N, C-alpha and C. Protein backbone atom coordinates (compact mmCIF):
# COMPACT_ATOMS: atom_id res chain seq x y z
N MET A 1 -57.90 55.58 -148.41
CA MET A 1 -56.99 54.84 -149.32
C MET A 1 -55.98 55.95 -149.91
N PRO A 2 -54.67 55.77 -150.41
CA PRO A 2 -53.77 56.45 -150.92
C PRO A 2 -54.38 56.29 -152.37
N THR A 3 -54.63 57.32 -153.13
CA THR A 3 -54.95 57.28 -154.84
C THR A 3 -53.71 57.17 -155.43
N GLU A 4 -53.81 57.21 -156.68
CA GLU A 4 -52.57 57.09 -157.42
C GLU A 4 -52.05 58.51 -157.72
N GLU A 5 -52.88 59.49 -157.45
CA GLU A 5 -52.65 60.80 -157.73
C GLU A 5 -51.68 61.43 -156.26
N MET A 6 -51.94 60.70 -155.15
CA MET A 6 -51.41 61.09 -153.84
C MET A 6 -49.78 60.88 -153.82
N VAL A 7 -49.15 61.45 -153.22
CA VAL A 7 -47.63 61.35 -153.19
C VAL A 7 -47.34 60.21 -152.20
N ILE A 8 -46.76 59.06 -152.52
CA ILE A 8 -46.60 58.04 -151.65
C ILE A 8 -45.29 58.24 -150.78
N PRO A 9 -45.31 58.47 -149.60
CA PRO A 9 -43.91 58.53 -148.92
C PRO A 9 -42.97 57.60 -149.02
N GLY A 10 -41.82 58.14 -148.77
CA GLY A 10 -40.76 56.97 -148.92
C GLY A 10 -40.57 55.90 -147.67
N GLN A 11 -39.52 54.95 -148.02
CA GLN A 11 -39.51 53.99 -147.37
C GLN A 11 -39.26 54.24 -145.89
N ARG A 12 -38.49 55.38 -145.34
CA ARG A 12 -38.20 55.64 -144.05
C ARG A 12 -39.54 56.37 -143.52
N THR A 13 -40.36 57.05 -144.01
CA THR A 13 -41.29 57.68 -143.53
C THR A 13 -42.47 56.48 -143.52
N VAL A 14 -42.69 55.72 -144.38
CA VAL A 14 -43.47 54.65 -144.36
C VAL A 14 -43.16 53.72 -142.86
N ARG A 15 -41.90 53.36 -142.91
CA ARG A 15 -41.40 52.54 -141.74
C ARG A 15 -41.76 53.07 -140.46
N ALA A 16 -41.24 54.55 -140.26
CA ALA A 16 -41.80 55.19 -138.93
C ALA A 16 -43.25 55.22 -138.78
N TRP A 17 -43.99 55.19 -139.75
CA TRP A 17 -45.58 55.21 -139.58
C TRP A 17 -45.84 53.88 -138.95
N PHE A 18 -45.48 52.81 -139.77
CA PHE A 18 -45.76 51.30 -139.30
C PHE A 18 -45.16 51.22 -137.66
N ASP A 19 -44.21 51.77 -137.47
CA ASP A 19 -43.50 51.42 -135.88
C ASP A 19 -44.21 52.26 -134.84
N THR A 20 -44.80 53.27 -135.13
CA THR A 20 -45.38 54.27 -134.34
C THR A 20 -46.89 54.27 -134.22
N PHE A 21 -47.70 54.97 -134.91
CA PHE A 21 -49.24 55.09 -134.46
C PHE A 21 -49.92 54.10 -135.16
N PHE A 22 -49.28 53.39 -136.66
CA PHE A 22 -50.14 52.41 -136.96
C PHE A 22 -50.01 51.17 -136.02
N ARG A 23 -48.91 50.87 -135.25
CA ARG A 23 -48.81 49.61 -134.39
C ARG A 23 -49.72 50.02 -133.16
N ASP A 24 -49.46 51.21 -132.56
CA ASP A 24 -50.23 51.79 -131.46
C ASP A 24 -51.77 51.69 -131.72
N PHE A 25 -52.18 52.20 -132.72
CA PHE A 25 -53.68 52.22 -133.37
C PHE A 25 -54.39 51.19 -133.21
N LEU A 26 -53.66 50.06 -134.15
CA LEU A 26 -54.22 48.94 -134.25
C LEU A 26 -54.39 48.07 -133.22
N SER A 27 -53.29 47.88 -132.48
CA SER A 27 -53.35 47.16 -131.15
C SER A 27 -54.38 47.69 -130.29
N SER A 28 -54.44 48.85 -129.97
CA SER A 28 -55.53 49.55 -129.23
C SER A 28 -56.87 49.31 -129.71
N LEU A 29 -57.08 49.40 -130.91
CA LEU A 29 -58.58 49.17 -131.51
C LEU A 29 -58.98 47.75 -131.34
N THR A 30 -58.09 46.73 -131.44
CA THR A 30 -58.20 45.41 -131.38
C THR A 30 -58.87 45.17 -129.90
N ARG A 31 -57.89 45.71 -128.95
CA ARG A 31 -58.45 45.69 -127.52
C ARG A 31 -59.79 46.51 -127.24
N GLU A 32 -60.09 47.54 -127.82
CA GLU A 32 -61.14 48.39 -127.83
C GLU A 32 -62.43 47.31 -128.39
N ARG A 33 -62.37 46.84 -129.29
CA ARG A 33 -63.42 46.04 -130.01
C ARG A 33 -63.67 44.78 -129.32
N LYS A 34 -62.71 44.21 -128.55
CA LYS A 34 -62.90 43.18 -127.60
C LYS A 34 -63.86 43.57 -126.38
N LEU A 35 -63.33 44.60 -125.82
CA LEU A 35 -64.08 45.15 -124.63
C LEU A 35 -65.75 45.47 -124.90
N LEU A 36 -65.74 46.24 -126.02
CA LEU A 36 -67.19 46.52 -126.73
C LEU A 36 -68.06 45.08 -126.87
N GLU A 37 -67.24 44.36 -127.36
CA GLU A 37 -68.10 42.98 -127.60
C GLU A 37 -68.83 42.23 -126.50
N VAL A 38 -67.92 42.41 -125.30
CA VAL A 38 -68.33 41.74 -124.21
C VAL A 38 -69.11 42.83 -123.28
N GLN A 39 -69.33 44.12 -123.84
CA GLN A 39 -69.93 45.30 -123.32
C GLN A 39 -69.25 45.42 -121.66
N ASN A 40 -67.92 45.41 -121.77
CA ASN A 40 -67.31 46.06 -120.66
C ASN A 40 -66.89 47.49 -121.06
N TRP A 41 -67.26 48.27 -120.62
CA TRP A 41 -67.13 49.80 -121.12
C TRP A 41 -66.05 50.37 -120.24
N THR A 42 -65.40 49.86 -119.47
CA THR A 42 -64.29 50.25 -118.52
C THR A 42 -64.71 51.57 -117.88
N TRP A 43 -65.84 51.67 -117.55
CA TRP A 43 -66.07 53.09 -116.92
C TRP A 43 -65.54 53.16 -115.32
N GLN A 44 -65.49 54.33 -115.04
CA GLN A 44 -65.25 54.67 -113.55
C GLN A 44 -65.80 56.16 -113.17
N SER A 45 -66.43 56.02 -112.15
CA SER A 45 -66.84 57.18 -111.79
C SER A 45 -65.99 58.31 -111.15
N ARG A 46 -65.01 57.93 -110.50
CA ARG A 46 -64.01 58.81 -109.86
C ARG A 46 -62.44 58.73 -110.51
N PRO A 47 -61.99 59.60 -111.30
CA PRO A 47 -62.79 60.58 -112.04
C PRO A 47 -63.72 59.77 -113.15
N PRO A 48 -64.67 60.56 -113.49
CA PRO A 48 -65.69 60.02 -114.54
C PRO A 48 -64.93 60.03 -115.84
N LYS A 49 -64.84 58.51 -116.40
CA LYS A 49 -64.04 58.39 -117.67
C LYS A 49 -64.06 57.18 -118.03
N LEU A 50 -63.90 56.56 -119.43
CA LEU A 50 -63.60 55.21 -119.75
C LEU A 50 -62.29 55.01 -119.79
N VAL A 51 -61.79 54.21 -118.95
CA VAL A 51 -60.40 53.92 -118.54
C VAL A 51 -59.65 53.31 -119.83
N MET A 52 -60.08 52.53 -120.69
CA MET A 52 -59.45 51.56 -121.59
C MET A 52 -60.22 51.96 -123.05
N ILE A 53 -61.06 52.77 -123.19
CA ILE A 53 -61.61 53.13 -124.41
C ILE A 53 -61.53 54.58 -124.54
N ARG A 54 -60.73 54.93 -125.53
CA ARG A 54 -60.28 56.48 -125.52
C ARG A 54 -60.51 56.93 -127.14
N SER A 55 -60.22 58.31 -126.99
CA SER A 55 -60.11 59.06 -128.43
C SER A 55 -58.78 58.33 -129.10
N LEU A 56 -58.83 58.40 -130.43
CA LEU A 56 -57.74 57.75 -131.05
C LEU A 56 -56.31 58.41 -130.82
N ASP A 57 -56.24 59.61 -130.78
CA ASP A 57 -54.80 60.30 -130.65
C ASP A 57 -54.38 60.03 -129.10
N GLN A 58 -55.12 59.42 -128.23
CA GLN A 58 -54.52 59.06 -126.79
C GLN A 58 -54.35 57.60 -126.77
N TYR A 59 -53.94 56.85 -128.06
CA TYR A 59 -53.54 55.53 -128.04
C TYR A 59 -52.13 55.46 -128.61
N THR A 60 -51.63 56.71 -128.70
CA THR A 60 -50.30 56.47 -129.01
C THR A 60 -49.45 57.74 -128.43
N ASP A 61 -48.07 57.55 -128.50
CA ASP A 61 -47.25 58.52 -127.79
C ASP A 61 -47.39 59.72 -128.24
N PRO A 62 -47.70 60.83 -127.50
CA PRO A 62 -47.68 62.34 -128.16
C PRO A 62 -46.70 62.75 -128.85
N ASP A 63 -45.44 61.90 -128.73
CA ASP A 63 -44.24 62.26 -129.71
C ASP A 63 -44.45 61.86 -131.12
N TYR A 64 -45.62 60.79 -131.29
CA TYR A 64 -45.77 60.21 -132.71
C TYR A 64 -46.61 60.75 -133.22
N LEU A 65 -47.63 61.75 -132.77
CA LEU A 65 -48.72 62.60 -133.17
C LEU A 65 -48.22 63.25 -134.55
N PRO A 66 -47.09 63.83 -134.59
CA PRO A 66 -46.91 64.67 -135.92
C PRO A 66 -46.61 63.62 -137.09
N ASN A 67 -46.31 62.41 -136.71
CA ASN A 67 -46.29 61.17 -138.02
C ASN A 67 -47.80 61.18 -138.41
N PHE A 68 -48.78 60.88 -137.27
CA PHE A 68 -50.08 60.79 -137.48
C PHE A 68 -50.62 61.81 -138.48
N GLU A 69 -50.28 63.22 -137.97
CA GLU A 69 -50.91 64.02 -138.77
C GLU A 69 -50.33 64.47 -140.31
N GLN A 70 -49.17 63.97 -140.39
CA GLN A 70 -48.56 63.50 -141.74
C GLN A 70 -49.43 62.79 -142.38
N PHE A 71 -49.62 61.49 -141.91
CA PHE A 71 -50.56 60.52 -142.63
C PHE A 71 -51.87 61.17 -142.93
N LYS A 72 -52.27 61.84 -141.86
CA LYS A 72 -53.80 62.45 -142.39
C LYS A 72 -53.74 63.42 -143.64
N GLN A 73 -52.68 64.22 -143.79
CA GLN A 73 -52.63 64.98 -144.88
C GLN A 73 -52.52 64.35 -146.17
N LEU A 74 -52.24 62.89 -146.05
CA LEU A 74 -52.20 62.21 -147.56
C LEU A 74 -53.32 61.37 -147.46
N ASN A 75 -53.84 61.29 -146.59
CA ASN A 75 -55.34 60.39 -146.33
C ASN A 75 -56.39 61.19 -146.01
N GLN A 76 -57.04 62.31 -146.51
CA GLN A 76 -57.80 63.20 -145.91
C GLN A 76 -59.19 62.73 -145.42
N ASP A 77 -59.55 61.57 -146.32
CA ASP A 77 -60.84 60.98 -145.80
C ASP A 77 -60.90 60.28 -144.51
N PHE A 78 -59.75 59.91 -144.01
CA PHE A 78 -59.81 59.32 -142.99
C PHE A 78 -60.02 60.18 -141.57
N GLU A 79 -60.16 61.69 -141.91
CA GLU A 79 -60.45 62.59 -140.88
C GLU A 79 -61.90 62.07 -140.54
N ARG A 80 -62.69 61.96 -141.70
CA ARG A 80 -64.15 61.49 -141.07
C ARG A 80 -64.46 60.44 -140.13
N VAL A 81 -63.44 59.23 -140.23
CA VAL A 81 -63.55 57.98 -139.61
C VAL A 81 -63.03 58.48 -138.41
N HIS A 82 -61.98 59.22 -138.06
CA HIS A 82 -61.32 59.59 -137.14
C HIS A 82 -62.14 60.46 -136.02
N ARG A 83 -62.94 61.36 -136.92
CA ARG A 83 -63.92 62.22 -136.02
C ARG A 83 -64.92 61.53 -135.34
N ALA A 84 -65.56 60.69 -136.29
CA ALA A 84 -66.77 59.75 -135.81
C ALA A 84 -66.24 58.81 -134.62
N HIS A 85 -65.15 58.31 -134.83
CA HIS A 85 -64.83 57.28 -133.38
C HIS A 85 -64.83 58.06 -132.35
N ASP A 86 -63.99 59.26 -132.55
CA ASP A 86 -63.88 60.10 -131.23
C ASP A 86 -64.99 60.73 -130.53
N GLU A 87 -66.04 61.08 -131.50
CA GLU A 87 -67.33 61.62 -131.17
C GLU A 87 -68.16 60.54 -130.41
N GLN A 88 -68.05 59.22 -130.98
CA GLN A 88 -68.82 58.16 -130.31
C GLN A 88 -68.28 57.68 -129.09
N VAL A 89 -66.98 57.93 -128.85
CA VAL A 89 -66.27 57.70 -127.48
C VAL A 89 -66.91 58.47 -126.60
N GLU A 90 -66.80 59.79 -126.80
CA GLU A 90 -67.62 60.72 -125.87
C GLU A 90 -69.03 60.50 -125.67
N THR A 91 -69.86 60.11 -126.49
CA THR A 91 -71.13 59.97 -126.33
C THR A 91 -71.29 58.63 -125.33
N LEU A 92 -70.21 57.50 -125.44
CA LEU A 92 -70.55 56.35 -124.59
C LEU A 92 -70.05 57.02 -123.20
N GLY A 93 -69.10 57.81 -123.13
CA GLY A 93 -68.86 58.15 -121.79
C GLY A 93 -69.78 58.86 -120.90
N LYS A 94 -70.64 59.88 -121.99
CA LYS A 94 -71.85 60.57 -121.31
C LYS A 94 -73.00 59.70 -121.00
N SER A 95 -73.14 58.33 -121.83
CA SER A 95 -74.07 57.59 -121.49
C SER A 95 -73.75 56.81 -120.16
N CYS A 96 -72.56 56.43 -120.13
CA CYS A 96 -72.29 55.66 -118.82
C CYS A 96 -72.55 56.29 -117.80
N SER A 97 -72.09 57.58 -117.66
CA SER A 97 -72.35 58.61 -116.44
C SER A 97 -73.81 58.70 -116.19
N ALA A 98 -74.75 58.89 -117.21
CA ALA A 98 -76.12 58.92 -117.18
C ALA A 98 -76.57 57.44 -116.45
N TYR A 99 -76.15 56.66 -117.13
CA TYR A 99 -76.44 55.38 -116.44
C TYR A 99 -76.04 55.02 -115.18
N HIS A 100 -74.86 55.31 -114.72
CA HIS A 100 -74.55 55.30 -113.36
C HIS A 100 -75.38 56.17 -112.38
N LEU A 101 -75.79 57.36 -112.86
CA LEU A 101 -76.72 58.16 -112.05
C LEU A 101 -78.14 57.52 -112.04
N ALA A 102 -78.57 56.87 -113.20
CA ALA A 102 -79.83 56.33 -112.82
C ALA A 102 -79.88 55.20 -111.92
N LEU A 103 -78.77 54.51 -111.95
CA LEU A 103 -78.69 53.34 -110.90
C LEU A 103 -78.77 53.82 -109.51
N LYS A 104 -77.92 54.97 -109.15
CA LYS A 104 -77.59 55.32 -107.75
C LYS A 104 -79.13 56.13 -107.44
N GLN A 105 -79.90 56.50 -108.28
CA GLN A 105 -81.32 57.06 -107.77
C GLN A 105 -82.36 56.16 -107.84
N CYS A 106 -82.27 54.82 -108.32
CA CYS A 106 -83.14 53.98 -108.61
C CYS A 106 -83.79 53.71 -107.25
N PRO A 107 -84.94 53.37 -106.87
CA PRO A 107 -85.55 53.10 -105.42
C PRO A 107 -85.09 51.94 -105.07
N GLU A 108 -84.79 51.03 -105.75
CA GLU A 108 -84.23 49.72 -105.37
C GLU A 108 -82.92 49.46 -104.88
N TRP A 109 -82.04 50.57 -105.19
CA TRP A 109 -80.69 50.43 -104.64
C TRP A 109 -80.52 50.83 -103.30
N GLN A 110 -81.10 51.78 -102.84
CA GLN A 110 -80.97 52.05 -101.24
C GLN A 110 -81.28 51.11 -100.31
N PRO A 111 -82.37 50.17 -100.42
CA PRO A 111 -82.37 48.87 -99.42
C PRO A 111 -81.34 48.08 -99.61
N LEU A 112 -81.00 47.78 -100.85
CA LEU A 112 -79.85 46.72 -101.42
C LEU A 112 -78.58 47.09 -100.50
N PHE A 113 -78.39 48.63 -100.78
CA PHE A 113 -76.92 48.88 -100.22
C PHE A 113 -76.97 49.02 -98.74
N ILE A 114 -78.06 49.32 -97.96
CA ILE A 114 -78.21 49.08 -96.57
C ILE A 114 -77.44 47.74 -96.27
N GLN A 115 -77.98 46.64 -96.71
CA GLN A 115 -77.60 45.34 -96.58
C GLN A 115 -76.10 45.21 -96.93
N ILE A 116 -75.68 45.88 -98.15
CA ILE A 116 -74.12 45.51 -98.57
C ILE A 116 -73.25 46.38 -97.53
N ASN A 117 -73.63 47.78 -97.19
CA ASN A 117 -73.01 48.57 -96.22
C ASN A 117 -72.53 47.68 -94.79
N CYS A 118 -73.45 46.74 -94.50
CA CYS A 118 -73.02 46.30 -93.36
C CYS A 118 -72.15 45.13 -93.53
N MET A 119 -71.85 44.62 -94.88
CA MET A 119 -70.84 43.83 -95.01
C MET A 119 -69.32 44.36 -95.40
N ASP A 120 -69.48 45.58 -95.49
CA ASP A 120 -67.97 46.42 -95.82
C ASP A 120 -67.62 47.37 -94.86
N SER A 121 -66.36 46.91 -94.45
CA SER A 121 -65.92 47.85 -93.29
C SER A 121 -64.61 48.84 -93.80
N VAL A 122 -64.31 48.41 -95.14
CA VAL A 122 -63.26 49.01 -95.77
C VAL A 122 -63.59 50.57 -96.33
N HIS A 123 -64.67 50.60 -97.04
CA HIS A 123 -64.88 51.87 -97.83
C HIS A 123 -65.87 52.59 -97.21
N ASP A 124 -65.93 54.05 -97.29
CA ASP A 124 -66.75 54.90 -96.74
C ASP A 124 -68.24 54.66 -97.79
N PRO A 125 -69.32 54.90 -97.43
CA PRO A 125 -70.52 54.61 -97.83
C PRO A 125 -70.46 55.14 -99.45
N GLU A 126 -70.17 56.50 -99.80
CA GLU A 126 -70.20 57.14 -101.20
C GLU A 126 -69.07 56.37 -102.03
N ARG A 127 -67.85 55.80 -101.37
CA ARG A 127 -66.93 55.28 -102.27
C ARG A 127 -67.53 53.96 -102.65
N LEU A 128 -68.00 53.27 -101.63
CA LEU A 128 -68.40 51.82 -101.94
C LEU A 128 -69.76 51.96 -103.00
N THR A 129 -70.44 52.94 -102.98
CA THR A 129 -71.53 53.03 -103.76
C THR A 129 -71.09 53.02 -105.26
N ASP A 130 -70.04 54.08 -105.38
CA ASP A 130 -69.63 54.26 -106.82
C ASP A 130 -68.93 53.06 -107.43
N LEU A 131 -67.91 52.41 -106.28
CA LEU A 131 -67.28 51.32 -106.88
C LEU A 131 -68.34 50.00 -107.40
N LEU A 132 -69.44 49.92 -106.51
CA LEU A 132 -70.38 48.92 -106.83
C LEU A 132 -70.82 49.05 -108.24
N LEU A 133 -71.48 50.27 -108.23
CA LEU A 133 -72.43 50.58 -109.44
C LEU A 133 -71.31 51.02 -110.70
N ASP A 134 -70.23 51.18 -110.69
CA ASP A 134 -69.22 50.95 -111.76
C ASP A 134 -69.19 49.54 -112.37
N LEU A 135 -69.11 48.72 -111.35
CA LEU A 135 -69.25 47.18 -111.70
C LEU A 135 -70.35 46.98 -112.40
N VAL A 136 -71.68 47.42 -111.99
CA VAL A 136 -72.54 47.31 -112.60
C VAL A 136 -72.79 47.88 -113.97
N VAL A 137 -72.26 48.97 -114.28
CA VAL A 137 -72.33 49.52 -115.41
C VAL A 137 -71.27 48.73 -116.43
N ASN A 138 -70.52 48.36 -115.99
CA ASN A 138 -69.46 47.62 -116.81
C ASN A 138 -69.91 45.82 -117.01
N GLY A 139 -71.02 45.62 -116.17
CA GLY A 139 -71.54 44.15 -116.25
C GLY A 139 -70.36 43.28 -115.98
N SER A 140 -69.52 43.50 -114.62
CA SER A 140 -68.43 42.70 -114.24
C SER A 140 -68.89 41.57 -113.86
N GLY A 141 -67.85 40.71 -114.14
CA GLY A 141 -67.94 39.17 -113.51
C GLY A 141 -67.54 39.35 -112.00
N GLU A 142 -67.56 38.06 -111.41
CA GLU A 142 -67.03 38.21 -109.97
C GLU A 142 -65.62 38.77 -109.90
N VAL A 143 -65.18 39.36 -108.98
CA VAL A 143 -63.71 40.08 -108.82
C VAL A 143 -62.97 39.01 -107.84
N PRO A 144 -61.48 39.02 -108.07
CA PRO A 144 -60.76 38.40 -107.04
C PRO A 144 -60.88 38.44 -105.75
N ASP A 145 -60.88 37.59 -104.89
CA ASP A 145 -61.16 37.70 -103.63
C ASP A 145 -60.12 38.57 -102.99
N ASN A 146 -58.93 38.83 -103.25
CA ASN A 146 -58.10 39.90 -102.58
C ASN A 146 -58.55 41.20 -102.70
N PHE A 147 -59.43 41.52 -103.68
CA PHE A 147 -59.95 42.89 -103.81
C PHE A 147 -61.00 43.15 -102.87
N PRO A 148 -60.80 44.52 -102.16
CA PRO A 148 -61.36 44.89 -101.15
C PRO A 148 -62.87 44.85 -101.27
N VAL A 149 -63.45 45.39 -102.52
CA VAL A 149 -64.94 45.32 -103.00
C VAL A 149 -65.21 44.01 -103.00
N ALA A 150 -64.56 42.84 -103.09
CA ALA A 150 -65.18 41.55 -103.29
C ALA A 150 -66.02 40.87 -102.32
N ARG A 151 -65.75 41.22 -101.30
CA ARG A 151 -66.85 40.94 -100.18
C ARG A 151 -68.38 41.25 -100.41
N SER A 152 -68.38 42.61 -100.97
CA SER A 152 -69.75 43.09 -101.02
C SER A 152 -70.34 42.70 -102.53
N TRP A 153 -69.47 42.64 -103.59
CA TRP A 153 -69.82 42.35 -104.84
C TRP A 153 -70.22 40.89 -105.09
N ASN A 154 -69.19 40.39 -104.83
CA ASN A 154 -69.26 38.70 -105.31
C ASN A 154 -70.76 38.04 -104.91
N PRO A 155 -70.99 38.22 -103.61
CA PRO A 155 -72.23 37.24 -103.08
C PRO A 155 -73.58 37.88 -103.55
N LEU A 156 -73.39 39.27 -104.06
CA LEU A 156 -74.72 39.75 -104.47
C LEU A 156 -74.59 40.36 -105.67
N ARG A 157 -73.82 39.79 -106.68
CA ARG A 157 -73.71 40.26 -107.92
C ARG A 157 -74.86 40.16 -108.72
N ASP A 158 -75.62 38.87 -108.72
CA ASP A 158 -76.64 38.95 -109.65
C ASP A 158 -77.73 39.83 -109.11
N ARG A 159 -77.98 40.02 -108.18
CA ARG A 159 -78.98 40.78 -107.61
C ARG A 159 -78.57 42.46 -107.81
N LEU A 160 -77.28 42.67 -107.88
CA LEU A 160 -76.83 44.13 -108.11
C LEU A 160 -77.13 44.25 -109.90
N LEU A 161 -76.81 43.13 -110.63
CA LEU A 161 -76.95 43.30 -112.15
C LEU A 161 -78.42 43.29 -112.37
N LYS A 162 -79.29 42.73 -111.74
CA LYS A 162 -80.80 42.91 -111.96
C LYS A 162 -81.31 44.40 -111.77
N LEU A 163 -80.33 45.31 -111.35
CA LEU A 163 -80.90 46.72 -111.23
C LEU A 163 -81.00 47.23 -112.62
N ARG A 164 -80.15 46.62 -113.63
CA ARG A 164 -80.09 47.08 -115.03
C ARG A 164 -81.68 46.92 -115.46
N GLU A 165 -82.46 46.32 -114.77
CA GLU A 165 -83.73 45.88 -115.61
C GLU A 165 -85.03 46.75 -114.75
N VAL A 166 -84.52 47.53 -113.71
CA VAL A 166 -85.56 48.36 -113.02
C VAL A 166 -86.02 49.41 -114.05
N ALA A 167 -87.37 49.60 -113.97
CA ALA A 167 -87.85 50.58 -115.04
C ALA A 167 -87.26 51.90 -115.07
N THR A 168 -86.76 52.40 -114.11
CA THR A 168 -86.24 53.92 -114.12
C THR A 168 -84.63 53.93 -114.56
N VAL A 169 -84.11 52.58 -114.61
CA VAL A 169 -82.75 52.48 -115.05
C VAL A 169 -82.62 51.93 -116.60
N GLN A 170 -83.62 51.02 -116.98
CA GLN A 170 -83.67 50.39 -118.21
C GLN A 170 -83.49 51.27 -119.52
N PRO A 171 -83.93 52.45 -119.64
CA PRO A 171 -83.72 53.44 -120.61
C PRO A 171 -82.36 53.65 -120.80
N ALA A 172 -81.72 53.94 -119.48
CA ALA A 172 -80.36 54.47 -119.68
C ALA A 172 -79.31 53.52 -119.93
N TYR A 173 -79.58 51.96 -119.58
CA TYR A 173 -78.81 51.13 -119.74
C TYR A 173 -79.05 50.67 -121.34
N SER A 174 -80.15 50.85 -121.94
CA SER A 174 -80.41 50.55 -123.40
C SER A 174 -79.67 51.76 -124.18
N GLN A 175 -79.47 52.96 -123.84
CA GLN A 175 -79.21 54.03 -124.50
C GLN A 175 -77.54 53.59 -124.51
N THR A 176 -76.92 53.36 -123.40
CA THR A 176 -75.51 53.00 -123.26
C THR A 176 -75.26 51.90 -124.38
N LYS A 177 -75.85 50.66 -124.27
CA LYS A 177 -75.81 49.65 -125.03
C LYS A 177 -75.72 50.11 -126.58
N GLU A 178 -76.67 51.08 -126.88
CA GLU A 178 -76.84 51.63 -128.28
C GLU A 178 -75.53 52.62 -128.68
N ALA A 179 -75.28 53.42 -127.75
CA ALA A 179 -73.95 54.04 -127.93
C ALA A 179 -72.72 53.21 -128.09
N ALA A 180 -72.47 52.10 -127.39
CA ALA A 180 -71.46 51.18 -127.45
C ALA A 180 -71.28 50.43 -128.59
N SER A 181 -72.62 50.18 -129.04
CA SER A 181 -72.87 49.44 -130.66
C SER A 181 -72.26 50.45 -131.69
N ASP A 182 -72.68 51.65 -131.67
CA ASP A 182 -72.31 52.54 -132.46
C ASP A 182 -71.01 52.74 -132.77
N LEU A 183 -70.40 52.77 -131.38
CA LEU A 183 -68.84 53.00 -131.22
C LEU A 183 -68.10 51.81 -131.84
N LEU A 184 -68.84 50.62 -131.58
CA LEU A 184 -68.13 49.33 -132.02
C LEU A 184 -68.07 49.23 -133.59
N ARG A 185 -69.15 49.77 -134.34
CA ARG A 185 -69.15 49.96 -135.90
C ARG A 185 -68.01 51.01 -136.17
N SER A 186 -67.71 51.85 -135.50
CA SER A 186 -66.79 52.86 -135.86
C SER A 186 -65.57 52.40 -135.35
N THR A 187 -65.35 51.58 -134.61
CA THR A 187 -64.10 50.99 -134.19
C THR A 187 -63.46 50.09 -135.32
N LEU A 188 -64.53 49.17 -135.80
CA LEU A 188 -64.30 48.30 -136.79
C LEU A 188 -64.04 49.17 -138.23
N GLU A 189 -64.47 50.20 -138.31
CA GLU A 189 -64.35 50.99 -139.73
C GLU A 189 -62.85 51.60 -139.60
N CYS A 190 -62.57 52.05 -138.22
CA CYS A 190 -61.24 52.59 -138.26
C CYS A 190 -60.00 51.62 -138.37
N SER A 191 -60.33 50.31 -137.68
CA SER A 191 -59.37 49.30 -137.98
C SER A 191 -58.95 48.94 -139.32
N GLU A 192 -60.22 48.57 -139.93
CA GLU A 192 -60.10 48.13 -141.58
C GLU A 192 -59.44 49.26 -142.42
N TYR A 193 -59.88 50.35 -142.23
CA TYR A 193 -59.25 51.49 -142.87
C TYR A 193 -57.73 51.51 -142.88
N LEU A 194 -57.27 51.43 -141.51
CA LEU A 194 -55.79 51.52 -141.35
C LEU A 194 -55.29 50.22 -141.74
N GLU A 195 -55.85 48.89 -141.60
CA GLU A 195 -55.20 47.91 -142.24
C GLU A 195 -55.10 47.85 -143.70
N ARG A 196 -56.01 48.40 -144.22
CA ARG A 196 -56.13 48.59 -145.75
C ARG A 196 -55.00 49.41 -146.31
N VAL A 197 -54.88 50.48 -145.62
CA VAL A 197 -53.94 51.27 -146.24
C VAL A 197 -52.44 50.88 -145.83
N ARG A 198 -52.13 50.30 -144.64
CA ARG A 198 -51.06 49.63 -144.46
C ARG A 198 -50.78 48.73 -145.31
N ARG A 199 -51.63 47.90 -145.79
CA ARG A 199 -51.18 46.87 -146.87
C ARG A 199 -50.90 47.44 -148.14
N GLU A 200 -51.66 48.46 -148.39
CA GLU A 200 -51.19 49.30 -149.91
C GLU A 200 -49.74 50.00 -149.59
N LEU A 201 -49.56 50.62 -148.66
CA LEU A 201 -48.46 51.20 -148.40
C LEU A 201 -47.26 50.20 -148.30
N ALA A 202 -47.34 49.05 -147.81
CA ALA A 202 -46.35 48.16 -147.82
C ALA A 202 -45.84 47.68 -149.24
N LEU A 203 -46.97 47.43 -150.10
CA LEU A 203 -46.68 46.75 -151.28
C LEU A 203 -45.84 48.03 -152.28
N ARG A 204 -46.74 49.35 -152.17
CA ARG A 204 -46.12 50.53 -153.09
C ARG A 204 -44.92 50.96 -152.52
N ALA A 205 -44.46 50.91 -151.14
CA ALA A 205 -43.27 51.67 -150.82
C ALA A 205 -42.28 50.37 -150.51
N ASP A 206 -42.77 49.11 -150.78
CA ASP A 206 -41.89 48.12 -150.63
C ASP A 206 -41.18 47.99 -149.41
N VAL A 207 -42.28 48.23 -148.28
CA VAL A 207 -41.90 48.08 -146.90
C VAL A 207 -42.63 46.99 -146.07
N PRO A 208 -41.90 46.07 -145.59
CA PRO A 208 -42.47 44.92 -144.60
C PRO A 208 -43.41 45.64 -143.61
N ILE A 209 -44.61 44.95 -143.28
CA ILE A 209 -45.50 45.30 -142.56
C ILE A 209 -44.97 45.18 -141.16
N VAL A 210 -44.26 44.29 -140.69
CA VAL A 210 -43.49 43.71 -139.48
C VAL A 210 -42.02 43.32 -139.79
N LEU A 211 -41.11 43.89 -139.28
CA LEU A 211 -39.85 43.44 -139.36
C LEU A 211 -39.32 42.15 -138.64
N ALA A 212 -38.78 41.35 -139.13
CA ALA A 212 -37.99 40.15 -138.27
C ALA A 212 -37.28 40.68 -137.11
N ARG A 213 -37.55 39.72 -136.24
CA ARG A 213 -36.47 39.95 -135.07
C ARG A 213 -35.27 39.30 -135.32
């Protein structure tokens, strides 16, 4: 939070902050929170990454980052919140990768995949494996019928999700859920911090949080 001793920027600067990284961060963190709450980690294995859960700087246009750096200079305690969030995003990504590998290596997967592979004439076996196990990692529901993977995933979804309970997989699944829980707390802390500062700046600089259209 800005303190009484800090220099409060002028109206034009605050307006620019509100319309650039504040807007982008808060909307993205809201989406991130919703994804984490339903345990959809948006993991993909090719290339390996979390698709819609990212480090904070990636949630805004790179051209806006100088505004964010300016903000952090006046709110230096936000650096801890920022760093914790980004470190936990990285931890969740590593956990999802390990979870995906545990699924691929579990003994129950191969006989199930033999059955699945007979149903799919679109994908090569390695690609199909990764697509299906990505869906398991993300705890996905049924996918639309026009998705090529639907014919493999939808009929066997419940059996595929049961792979999470296999003894060799369950520890990686639990670790991923724990990493996601830690990130959710950090996501909420980031959102609450930015919302508090935005309210404070709006009052002290006499700048509307949202301009009328």
